Amino acid sequence: MLFVVRFTDRSDKFDVRQAHMQAHLDWLDDNSDQVLIGGGLRESLDDRAIGGLWIAQSESKADVVSLLETDPFWIEGLRENVEILHWTKAFEDRQVQI
């Protein structure tokens, strides 16, 4: 199943994002079989990140929760909120390269 996972960061924890960015990126790379794509969210291109978004593939929503709880950003307390939604592609056969 596919999921959209949207994170909101704690506004007072930007230092956590900076300090643990490489560990987070390494974690994303190690879990690329489940986190198909991920990245930071910003109000405008030059602003600092205020959260993140993943497209994830997993057997269940519970598995997504278990996975995100191992992310260094989650462990270090950066995330204030998470929303996990089931997602279905409108055109299953279309492949998109980003």
Protein backbone atom coordinates (compact mmCIF):
# COMPACT_ATOMS: atom_id res chain seq x y z
CA MET A 1 0.00 0.00 0.00
CA LEU A 2 1.06 3.57 -0.60
CA PHE A 3 0.95 6.31 2.01
CA VAL A 4 1.55 10.04 2.16
CA VAL A 5 3.29 11.00 5.37
CA ARG A 6 3.36 14.69 6.26
CA PHE A 7 5.44 15.94 9.17
CA THR A 8 5.32 19.27 10.96
CA ASP A 9 8.49 20.23 12.82
CA ARG A 10 8.69 21.90 16.21
CA SER A 11 9.44 25.55 15.44
CA ASP A 12 11.99 25.78 18.27
CA LYS A 13 13.99 22.72 17.13
CA PHE A 14 15.68 23.87 13.91
CA ASP A 15 19.04 23.14 15.54
CA VAL A 16 17.96 19.48 15.83
CA ARG A 17 17.29 19.39 12.09
CA GLN A 18 20.74 20.77 11.35
CA ALA A 19 22.56 18.56 13.85
CA HIS A 20 20.94 15.32 12.68
CA MET A 21 20.47 15.95 8.95
CA GLN A 22 23.20 13.54 7.81
CA ALA A 23 21.92 10.76 10.09
CA HIS A 24 18.40 11.37 8.74
CA LEU A 25 19.60 11.25 5.12
CA ASP A 26 21.54 8.05 5.80
CA TRP A 27 18.42 6.59 7.43
CA LEU A 28 16.28 7.55 4.40
CA ASP A 29 18.82 5.89 2.11
CA ASP A 30 18.85 2.74 4.24
CA ASN A 31 15.02 2.63 4.13
CA SER A 32 14.54 3.54 0.46
CA ASP A 33 12.57 0.34 -0.09
CA GLN A 34 9.79 1.83 2.06
CA VAL A 35 10.32 5.60 1.85
CA LEU A 36 10.15 5.94 -1.91
CA ILE A 37 10.60 9.70 -1.89
CA GLY A 38 11.04 12.25 0.84
CA GLY A 39 11.94 15.86 1.32
CA GLY A 40 11.58 19.03 3.35
CA LEU A 41 8.63 21.42 3.17
CA ARG A 42 9.03 25.21 3.17
CA GLU A 43 6.74 28.22 2.88
CA SER A 44 9.05 29.59 0.16
CA LEU A 45 12.23 28.27 -1.43
CA ASP A 46 14.58 30.41 0.68
CA ASP A 47 12.87 29.65 4.02
CA ARG A 48 14.05 27.01 6.45
CA ALA A 49 12.17 23.72 6.44
CA ILE A 50 9.05 23.55 8.60
CA GLY A 51 8.35 19.86 8.05
CA GLY A 52 8.66 17.04 5.59
CA LEU A 53 6.74 14.81 3.20
CA TRP A 54 7.20 11.17 2.24
CA ILE A 55 5.61 8.83 -0.21
CA ALA A 56 5.95 5.50 1.56
CA GLN A 57 5.16 1.93 0.63
CA SER A 58 4.31 -0.50 3.39
CA GLU A 59 2.01 -3.36 4.33
CA SER A 60 0.05 -1.25 6.83
CA LYS A 61 -0.26 2.13 8.48
CA ALA A 62 1.05 0.56 11.69
CA ASP A 63 4.21 -0.46 9.82
CA VAL A 64 4.68 3.15 8.66
CA VAL A 65 4.39 4.33 12.27
CA SER A 66 6.93 1.73 13.40
CA LEU A 67 9.28 2.84 10.63
CA LEU A 68 9.06 6.58 11.29
CA GLU A 69 9.74 5.99 14.98
CA THR A 70 13.25 4.83 13.98
CA ASP A 71 14.01 8.03 12.02
CA PRO A 72 16.67 10.15 13.78
CA PHE A 73 14.49 13.25 13.35
CA TRP A 74 11.70 11.49 15.26
CA ILE A 75 14.01 10.08 17.91
CA GLU A 76 15.64 13.47 18.53
CA GLY A 77 12.27 15.23 18.98
CA LEU A 78 12.18 17.36 15.82
CA ARG A 79 8.71 16.29 14.77
CA GLU A 80 5.71 17.99 16.36
CA ASN A 81 3.03 16.25 14.35
CA VAL A 82 2.62 13.54 11.74
CA GLU A 83 -0.26 12.78 9.40
CA ILE A 84 -0.35 9.41 7.62
CA LEU A 85 -2.84 9.00 4.80
CA HIS A 86 -3.52 6.10 2.45
CA TRP A 87 -2.78 7.18 -1.11
CA THR A 88 -3.83 5.76 -4.45
CA LYS A 89 -2.35 6.89 -7.72
CA ALA A 90 -4.80 8.12 -10.34
CA PHE A 91 -2.84 6.41 -13.12
CA GLU A 92 -1.18 3.25 -11.80
CA ASP A 93 0.86 2.68 -14.97
CA ARG A 94 2.52 6.11 -15.03
CA GLN A 95 6.07 6.28 -13.74
CA VAL A 96 7.41 9.65 -12.66
CA GLN A 97 11.07 10.49 -12.31
CA ILE A 98 11.81 13.37 -9.97
